[in-house]
């Protein structure tokens, strides 16, 4: 990687790893819950559930994501763990967010009730376990798992800026870049990948490119790509 590109990526990461760019963003929801957690007003599970729901709805226009995450948390009365464990879910065919129906939301809540009946935290879950046991998806070893990797970044990175740093037993150097079409286009434009497939192999290739720059914290590169998107008309 050319030094000029490295320097630019470092500059973007430093500039855009700033809460002011993420006020109207899905991470705002687990951030709000984490503030309650630090005051002793809710549990780690409350933050995890909020992060899982926000990540699941994190596709499309930001304003729509924020609107619909708010709808989901309002339905839970901003007490997601209590809502999940009570077992009385909004379960109907109407849309919660784009193609995600309230019935899918209810199915995730049922899965979460089973999970939290067995454990107090999902930190130790693999991507495959979160994908299948919580989100109810089919097993897919090639999937990029964007929403799961994004949720992991939120929960693990601990520089005290945008991300929450609540999962203490996971090393941030093991995180993977959350890959969607925008992130792929930005990474490809910067020469971080030449692959056409948007799969887990490409995720690892982009992550490895960022390990050259941020060896102990490759997902800091996610802010570099956000910066590229902002400066190039994302």
C-alpha atoms as a PDB file:
ATOM      1  CA  UNK A   1       0.000   0.000   0.000  1.00  0.00           C
ATOM      2  CA  UNK A   2       1.344   3.423  -0.941  1.00  0.00           C
ATOM      3  CA  UNK A   3       2.374   5.676   1.930  1.00  0.00           C
ATOM      4  CA  UNK A   4       0.141   8.475   0.662  1.00  0.00           C
ATOM      5  CA  UNK A   5      -2.910   6.199   0.839  1.00  0.00           C
ATOM      6  CA  UNK A   6      -1.908   4.990   4.307  1.00  0.00           C
ATOM      7  CA  UNK A   7      -1.527   8.553   5.522  1.00  0.00           C
ATOM      8  CA  UNK A   8      -4.910   9.528   4.098  1.00  0.00           C
ATOM      9  CA  UNK A   9      -6.617   6.527   5.721  1.00  0.00           C
ATOM     10  CA  UNK A  10      -5.039   7.368   9.080  1.00  0.00           C
ATOM     11  CA  UNK A  11      -6.185  10.987   8.734  1.00  0.00           C
ATOM     12  CA  UNK A  12      -9.769   9.963   7.928  1.00  0.00           C
ATOM     13  CA  UNK A  13      -9.837   7.465  10.806  1.00  0.00           C
ATOM     14  CA  UNK A  14      -8.714  10.107  13.283  1.00  0.00           C
ATOM     15  CA  UNK A  15     -11.114  12.738  11.943  1.00  0.00           C
ATOM     16  CA  UNK A  16     -14.258  10.639  11.646  1.00  0.00           C
ATOM     17  CA  UNK A  17     -13.872   8.510  14.784  1.00  0.00           C
ATOM     18  CA  UNK A  18     -15.912  11.214  16.483  1.00  0.00           C
ATOM     19  CA  UNK A  19     -19.383  10.991  18.057  1.00  0.00           C
ATOM     20  CA  UNK A  20     -20.552  14.146  16.248  1.00  0.00           C
ATOM     21  CA  UNK A  21     -20.780  12.143  13.007  1.00  0.00           C
ATOM     22  CA  UNK A  22     -22.914   9.411  14.612  1.00  0.00           C
ATOM     23  CA  UNK A  23     -25.737  11.282  16.344  1.00  0.00           C
ATOM     24  CA  UNK A  24     -28.217  10.127  13.680  1.00  0.00           C
ATOM     25  CA  UNK A  25     -26.873   6.596  13.317  1.00  0.00           C
ATOM     26  CA  UNK A  26     -27.947   3.154  14.555  1.00  0.00           C
ATOM     27  CA  UNK A  27     -25.103   3.144  17.096  1.00  0.00           C
ATOM     28  CA  UNK A  28     -26.923   5.975  18.886  1.00  0.00           C
ATOM     29  CA  UNK A  29     -29.325   3.401  20.349  1.00  0.00           C
ATOM     30  CA  UNK A  30     -26.841   1.082  22.104  1.00  0.00           C
ATOM     31  CA  UNK A  31     -24.891   4.232  23.063  1.00  0.00           C
ATOM     32  CA  UNK A  32     -27.954   5.554  24.897  1.00  0.00           C
ATOM     33  CA  UNK A  33     -28.460   2.180  26.591  1.00  0.00           C
ATOM     34  CA  UNK A  34     -24.762   1.972  27.501  1.00  0.00           C
ATOM     35  CA  UNK A  35     -25.063   5.327  29.275  1.00  0.00           C
ATOM     36  CA  UNK A  36     -27.837   3.812  31.404  1.00  0.00           C
ATOM     37  CA  UNK A  37     -25.673   0.730  31.999  1.00  0.00           C
ATOM     38  CA  UNK A  38     -22.804   2.861  33.310  1.00  0.00           C
ATOM     39  CA  UNK A  39     -25.241   4.477  35.768  1.00  0.00           C
ATOM     40  CA  UNK A  40     -26.413   1.050  36.955  1.00  0.00           C
ATOM     41  CA  UNK A  41     -29.864   1.573  35.429  1.00  0.00           C
ATOM     42  CA  UNK A  42     -29.846  -1.441  33.100  1.00  0.00           C
ATOM     43  CA  UNK A  43     -27.938  -4.653  32.409  1.00  0.00           C
ATOM     44  CA  UNK A  44     -25.311  -5.603  29.846  1.00  0.00           C
ATOM     45  CA  UNK A  45     -28.010  -7.738  28.217  1.00  0.00           C
ATOM     46  CA  UNK A  46     -30.082  -4.573  27.662  1.00  0.00           C
ATOM     47  CA  UNK A  47     -27.176  -3.056  25.729  1.00  0.00           C
ATOM     48  CA  UNK A  48     -26.575  -6.273  23.764  1.00  0.00           C
ATOM     49  CA  UNK A  49     -30.223  -6.621  22.760  1.00  0.00           C
ATOM     50  CA  UNK A  50     -30.384  -2.971  21.733  1.00  0.00           C
ATOM     51  CA  UNK A  51     -27.239  -3.414  19.641  1.00  0.00           C
ATOM     52  CA  UNK A  52     -28.604  -6.579  18.012  1.00  0.00           C
ATOM     53  CA  UNK A  53     -31.880  -4.898  17.064  1.00  0.00           C
ATOM     54  CA  UNK A  54     -30.220  -1.678  15.855  1.00  0.00           C
ATOM     55  CA  UNK A  55     -27.698  -3.632  13.771  1.00  0.00           C
ATOM     56  CA  UNK A  56     -30.467  -5.775  12.278  1.00  0.00           C
ATOM     57  CA  UNK A  57     -32.307  -2.671  11.076  1.00  0.00           C
ATOM     58  CA  UNK A  58     -29.160  -0.857   9.905  1.00  0.00           C
ATOM     59  CA  UNK A  59     -29.711  -0.805   6.159  1.00  0.00           C
ATOM     60  CA  UNK A  60     -31.149   1.940   3.995  1.00  0.00           C
ATOM     61  CA  UNK A  61     -31.315   5.661   4.639  1.00  0.00           C
ATOM     62  CA  UNK A  62     -30.075   6.792   8.034  1.00  0.00           C
ATOM     63  CA  UNK A  63     -33.241   8.769   8.821  1.00  0.00           C
ATOM     64  CA  UNK A  64     -35.383   5.704   8.166  1.00  0.00           C
ATOM     65  CA  UNK A  65     -33.097   3.474  10.255  1.00  0.00           C
ATOM     66  CA  UNK A  66     -33.266   5.891  13.190  1.00  0.00           C
ATOM     67  CA  UNK A  67     -37.050   6.194  12.875  1.00  0.00           C
ATOM     68  CA  UNK A  68     -37.564   2.441  12.870  1.00  0.00           C
ATOM     69  CA  UNK A  69     -35.022   1.664  15.601  1.00  0.00           C
ATOM     70  CA  UNK A  70     -36.952   4.164  17.703  1.00  0.00           C
ATOM     71  CA  UNK A  71     -40.190   2.316  16.918  1.00  0.00           C
ATOM     72  CA  UNK A  72     -38.634  -0.978  17.998  1.00  0.00           C
ATOM     73  CA  UNK A  73     -37.223   0.412  21.253  1.00  0.00           C
ATOM     74  CA  UNK A  74     -40.484   2.250  21.999  1.00  0.00           C
ATOM     75  CA  UNK A  75     -42.307  -1.063  21.583  1.00  0.00           C
ATOM     76  CA  UNK A  76     -39.908  -2.484  24.180  1.00  0.00           C
ATOM     77  CA  UNK A  77     -40.499   0.540  26.448  1.00  0.00           C
ATOM     78  CA  UNK A  78     -36.710   0.997  26.326  1.00  0.00           C
ATOM     79  CA  UNK A  79     -36.394  -2.056  28.592  1.00  0.00           C
ATOM     80  CA  UNK A  80     -35.344  -4.662  26.014  1.00  0.00           C
ATOM     81  CA  UNK A  81     -34.285  -7.412  28.400  1.00  0.00           C
ATOM     82  CA  UNK A  82     -37.543  -7.243  30.374  1.00  0.00           C
ATOM     83  CA  UNK A  83     -39.511  -7.140  27.123  1.00  0.00           C
ATOM     84  CA  UNK A  84     -37.699 -10.172  25.704  1.00  0.00           C
ATOM     85  CA  UNK A  85     -38.037 -12.232  28.868  1.00  0.00           C
ATOM     86  CA  UNK A  86     -41.753 -11.363  29.317  1.00  0.00           C
ATOM     87  CA  UNK A  87     -42.547 -13.198  26.089  1.00  0.00           C
ATOM     88  CA  UNK A  88     -45.372 -10.953  24.828  1.00  0.00           C
ATOM     89  CA  UNK A  89     -44.170  -9.605  21.486  1.00  0.00           C
ATOM     90  CA  UNK A  90     -45.677  -7.518  18.725  1.00  0.00           C
ATOM     91  CA  UNK A  91     -46.095 -10.208  16.086  1.00  0.00           C
ATOM     92  CA  UNK A  92     -47.847  -9.086  12.926  1.00  0.00           C
ATOM     93  CA  UNK A  93     -47.336  -8.952   9.193  1.00  0.00           C
ATOM     94  CA  UNK A  94     -46.900  -5.158   9.084  1.00  0.00           C
ATOM     95  CA  UNK A  95     -43.506  -3.664   8.257  1.00  0.00           C
ATOM     96  CA  UNK A  96     -41.187  -2.560  11.040  1.00  0.00           C
ATOM     97  CA  UNK A  97     -38.366  -1.508   8.717  1.00  0.00           C
ATOM     98  CA  UNK A  98     -38.401  -1.950   4.955  1.00  0.00           C
ATOM     99  CA  UNK A  99     -38.841  -5.712   4.413  1.00  0.00           C
ATOM    100  CA  UNK A 100     -38.375  -6.532   8.116  1.00  0.00           C
ATOM    101  CA  UNK A 101     -41.809  -7.266   9.554  1.00  0.00           C
ATOM    102  CA  UNK A 102     -42.885  -7.162  13.176  1.00  0.00           C
ATOM    103  CA  UNK A 103     -43.239 -10.956  12.946  1.00  0.00           C
ATOM    104  CA  UNK A 104     -39.481 -11.206  12.274  1.00  0.00           C
ATOM    105  CA  UNK A 105     -38.831  -8.896  15.225  1.00  0.00           C
ATOM    106  CA  UNK A 106     -40.976 -11.216  17.387  1.00  0.00           C
ATOM    107  CA  UNK A 107     -39.061 -14.266  16.169  1.00  0.00           C
ATOM    108  CA  UNK A 108     -35.748 -12.640  17.119  1.00  0.00           C
ATOM    109  CA  UNK A 109     -37.181 -11.794  20.550  1.00  0.00           C
ATOM    110  CA  UNK A 110     -38.257 -15.417  21.051  1.00  0.00           C
ATOM    111  CA  UNK A 111     -34.760 -16.564  20.136  1.00  0.00           C
ATOM    112  CA  UNK A 112     -33.265 -14.031  22.530  1.00  0.00           C
ATOM    113  CA  UNK A 113     -35.486 -15.265  25.351  1.00  0.00           C
ATOM    114  CA  UNK A 114     -34.102 -18.775  24.840  1.00  0.00           C
ATOM    115  CA  UNK A 115     -30.520 -17.474  24.703  1.00  0.00           C
ATOM    116  CA  UNK A 116     -30.796 -15.265  27.803  1.00  0.00           C
ATOM    117  CA  UNK A 117     -32.444 -18.081  29.715  1.00  0.00           C
ATOM    118  CA  UNK A 118     -29.105 -19.860  29.329  1.00  0.00           C
ATOM    119  CA  UNK A 119     -26.546 -17.024  29.613  1.00  0.00           C
ATOM    120  CA  UNK A 120     -26.221 -13.447  30.852  1.00  0.00           C
ATOM    121  CA  UNK A 121     -24.165 -12.263  27.848  1.00  0.00           C
ATOM    122  CA  UNK A 122     -23.683 -13.256  24.211  1.00  0.00           C
ATOM    123  CA  UNK A 123     -20.082 -12.045  24.077  1.00  0.00           C
ATOM    124  CA  UNK A 124     -18.766 -15.573  23.641  1.00  0.00           C
ATOM    125  CA  UNK A 125     -21.091 -16.376  20.724  1.00  0.00           C
ATOM    126  CA  UNK A 126     -19.573 -16.936  17.282  1.00  0.00           C
ATOM    127  CA  UNK A 127     -20.889 -15.105  14.245  1.00  0.00           C
ATOM    128  CA  UNK A 128     -22.556 -18.336  13.189  1.00  0.00           C
ATOM    129  CA  UNK A 129     -24.350 -18.660  16.521  1.00  0.00           C
ATOM    130  CA  UNK A 130     -25.606 -15.081  16.375  1.00  0.00           C
ATOM    131  CA  UNK A 131     -26.639 -15.524  12.746  1.00  0.00           C
ATOM    132  CA  UNK A 132     -28.524 -18.784  13.307  1.00  0.00           C
ATOM    133  CA  UNK A 133     -29.603 -18.841  16.957  1.00  0.00           C
ATOM    134  CA  UNK A 134     -30.587 -15.170  17.276  1.00  0.00           C
ATOM    135  CA  UNK A 135     -31.317 -13.781  13.825  1.00  0.00           C
ATOM    136  CA  UNK A 136     -32.780 -17.086  12.653  1.00  0.00           C
ATOM    137  CA  UNK A 137     -30.824 -17.205   9.408  1.00  0.00           C
ATOM    138  CA  UNK A 138     -29.527 -20.304   7.680  1.00  0.00           C
ATOM    139  CA  UNK A 139     -25.910 -21.241   8.216  1.00  0.00           C
ATOM    140  CA  UNK A 140     -23.702 -19.646   5.554  1.00  0.00           C
ATOM    141  CA  UNK A 141     -19.915 -19.874   6.031  1.00  0.00           C
ATOM    142  CA  UNK A 142     -19.345 -17.460   3.112  1.00  0.00           C
ATOM    143  CA  UNK A 143     -21.653 -14.709   4.399  1.00  0.00           C
ATOM    144  CA  UNK A 144     -19.987 -11.351   5.165  1.00  0.00           C
ATOM    145  CA  UNK A 145     -22.180 -10.994   8.309  1.00  0.00           C
ATOM    146  CA  UNK A 146     -22.118  -7.199   8.079  1.00  0.00           C
ATOM    147  CA  UNK A 147     -24.626  -6.515  10.837  1.00  0.00           C
ATOM    148  CA  UNK A 148     -22.920  -8.944  13.246  1.00  0.00           C
ATOM    149  CA  UNK A 149     -19.436  -7.556  12.610  1.00  0.00           C
ATOM    150  CA  UNK A 150     -20.770  -4.031  13.026  1.00  0.00           C
ATOM    151  CA  UNK A 151     -22.411  -4.939  16.329  1.00  0.00           C
ATOM    152  CA  UNK A 152     -19.141  -6.538  17.471  1.00  0.00           C
ATOM    153  CA  UNK A 153     -17.241  -3.366  16.614  1.00  0.00           C
ATOM    154  CA  UNK A 154     -19.681  -1.330  18.695  1.00  0.00           C
ATOM    155  CA  UNK A 155     -19.383  -3.648  21.691  1.00  0.00           C
ATOM    156  CA  UNK A 156     -15.611  -4.290  21.615  1.00  0.00           C
ATOM    157  CA  UNK A 157     -13.673  -1.210  20.464  1.00  0.00           C
ATOM    158  CA  UNK A 158     -12.701   0.718  23.556  1.00  0.00           C
ATOM    159  CA  UNK A 159     -11.030   4.013  22.636  1.00  0.00           C
ATOM    160  CA  UNK A 160     -13.824   5.930  24.389  1.00  0.00           C
ATOM    161  CA  UNK A 161     -14.987   7.811  21.305  1.00  0.00           C
ATOM    162  CA  UNK A 162     -17.750   6.265  19.170  1.00  0.00           C
ATOM    163  CA  UNK A 163     -17.726   2.589  20.153  1.00  0.00           C
ATOM    164  CA  UNK A 164     -18.819   1.234  23.532  1.00  0.00           C
ATOM    165  CA  UNK A 165     -16.021  -1.071  24.737  1.00  0.00           C
ATOM    166  CA  UNK A 166     -18.303  -3.167  26.964  1.00  0.00           C
ATOM    167  CA  UNK A 167     -17.096  -6.599  25.850  1.00  0.00           C
ATOM    168  CA  UNK A 168     -13.868  -6.972  27.820  1.00  0.00           C
ATOM    169  CA  UNK A 169     -12.974 -10.543  26.847  1.00  0.00           C
ATOM    170  CA  UNK A 170     -12.715  -9.960  23.093  1.00  0.00           C
ATOM    171  CA  UNK A 171      -9.557  -8.548  21.493  1.00  0.00           C
ATOM    172  CA  UNK A 172     -10.257  -5.740  19.020  1.00  0.00           C
ATOM    173  CA  UNK A 173      -7.448  -6.992  16.795  1.00  0.00           C
ATOM    174  CA  UNK A 174      -9.703  -9.982  15.984  1.00  0.00           C
ATOM    175  CA  UNK A 175     -12.632  -7.868  14.746  1.00  0.00           C
ATOM    176  CA  UNK A 176     -13.664  -7.899  11.087  1.00  0.00           C
ATOM    177  CA  UNK A 177     -14.721  -4.954   8.929  1.00  0.00           C
ATOM    178  CA  UNK A 178     -18.535  -4.733   8.512  1.00  0.00           C
ATOM    179  CA  UNK A 179     -18.981  -5.107   4.746  1.00  0.00           C
ATOM    180  CA  UNK A 180     -21.945  -3.737   2.814  1.00  0.00           C
ATOM    181  CA  UNK A 181     -22.125  -2.417  -0.754  1.00  0.00           C
ATOM    182  CA  UNK A 182     -20.974   1.088   0.214  1.00  0.00           C
ATOM    183  CA  UNK A 183     -18.022  -0.167   2.252  1.00  0.00           C
ATOM    184  CA  UNK A 184     -17.096  -2.552  -0.574  1.00  0.00           C
ATOM    185  CA  UNK A 185     -17.163   0.238  -3.173  1.00  0.00           C
ATOM    186  CA  UNK A 186     -15.026   2.485  -0.971  1.00  0.00           C
ATOM    187  CA  UNK A 187     -12.514  -0.277  -0.182  1.00  0.00           C
ATOM    188  CA  UNK A 188     -12.268  -1.263  -3.849  1.00  0.00           C
ATOM    189  CA  UNK A 189     -11.759   2.356  -4.916  1.00  0.00           C
ATOM    190  CA  UNK A 190      -8.875   2.615  -2.439  1.00  0.00           C
ATOM    191  CA  UNK A 191      -7.303  -0.610  -3.696  1.00  0.00           C
ATOM    192  CA  UNK A 192      -7.912  -2.556  -0.472  1.00  0.00           C
ATOM    193  CA  UNK A 193      -9.497  -5.426  -2.394  1.00  0.00           C
ATOM    194  CA  UNK A 194      -9.645  -6.538  -6.016  1.00  0.00           C
ATOM    195  CA  UNK A 195     -12.215  -9.271  -5.437  1.00  0.00           C
ATOM    196  CA  UNK A 196     -15.709  -8.961  -6.931  1.00  0.00           C
ATOM    197  CA  UNK A 197     -17.496 -11.173  -4.418  1.00  0.00           C
ATOM    198  CA  UNK A 198     -18.857  -9.466  -1.325  1.00  0.00           C
ATOM    199  CA  UNK A 199     -18.221 -12.436   0.941  1.00  0.00           C
ATOM    200  CA  UNK A 200     -16.236 -13.351   4.059  1.00  0.00           C
ATOM    201  CA  UNK A 201     -13.030 -13.768   2.028  1.00  0.00           C
ATOM    202  CA  UNK A 202     -13.309 -10.157   0.883  1.00  0.00           C
ATOM    203  CA  UNK A 203     -14.101  -9.083   4.449  1.00  0.00           C
ATOM    204  CA  UNK A 204     -10.872 -10.704   5.627  1.00  0.00           C
ATOM    205  CA  UNK A 205      -8.870  -9.232   2.755  1.00  0.00           C
ATOM    206  CA  UNK A 206     -10.013  -5.675   3.570  1.00  0.00           C
ATOM    207  CA  UNK A 207      -9.481  -6.291   7.285  1.00  0.00           C
ATOM    208  CA  UNK A 208      -5.957  -7.579   6.595  1.00  0.00           C
ATOM    209  CA  UNK A 209      -5.219  -4.442   4.551  1.00  0.00           C
ATOM    210  CA  UNK A 210      -6.176  -2.337   7.565  1.00  0.00           C
ATOM    211  CA  UNK A 211      -3.982  -4.506   9.807  1.00  0.00           C
ATOM    212  CA  UNK A 212      -1.027  -2.995   7.924  1.00  0.00           C
ATOM    213  CA  UNK A 213      -2.091   0.414   9.227  1.00  0.00           C
ATOM    214  CA  UNK A 214      -3.798  -0.397  12.522  1.00  0.00           C
ATOM    215  CA  UNK A 215      -2.278  -3.773  13.527  1.00  0.00           C
ATOM    216  CA  UNK A 216      -3.962  -3.926  16.928  1.00  0.00           C
ATOM    217  CA  UNK A 217      -7.246  -2.345  15.843  1.00  0.00           C
ATOM    218  CA  UNK A 218      -8.082  -3.037  12.176  1.00  0.00           C
ATOM    219  CA  UNK A 219     -11.715  -1.964  12.533  1.00  0.00           C
ATOM    220  CA  UNK A 220     -10.522   1.567  13.142  1.00  0.00           C
ATOM    221  CA  UNK A 221     -10.330   1.442   9.360  1.00  0.00           C
ATOM    222  CA  UNK A 222     -14.127   1.447   9.262  1.00  0.00           C
ATOM    223  CA  UNK A 223     -13.920   5.165  10.097  1.00  0.00           C
ATOM    224  CA  UNK A 224     -11.435   5.628   7.248  1.00  0.00           C
ATOM    225  CA  UNK A 225     -13.985   4.206   4.829  1.00  0.00           C
ATOM    226  CA  UNK A 226     -16.707   6.368   6.353  1.00  0.00           C
ATOM    227  CA  UNK A 227     -14.405   9.356   5.775  1.00  0.00           C
ATOM    228  CA  UNK A 228     -13.849   8.332   2.163  1.00  0.00           C
ATOM    229  CA  UNK A 229     -17.602   8.079   1.703  1.00  0.00           C
ATOM    230  CA  UNK A 230     -18.174  11.541   3.178  1.00  0.00           C
ATOM    231  CA  UNK A 231     -15.432  13.209   1.130  1.00  0.00           C
ATOM    232  CA  UNK A 232     -16.392  11.422  -2.101  1.00  0.00           C
ATOM    233  CA  UNK A 233     -20.153  11.984  -1.867  1.00  0.00           C
ATOM    234  CA  UNK A 234     -21.335   8.862  -0.086  1.00  0.00           C
END
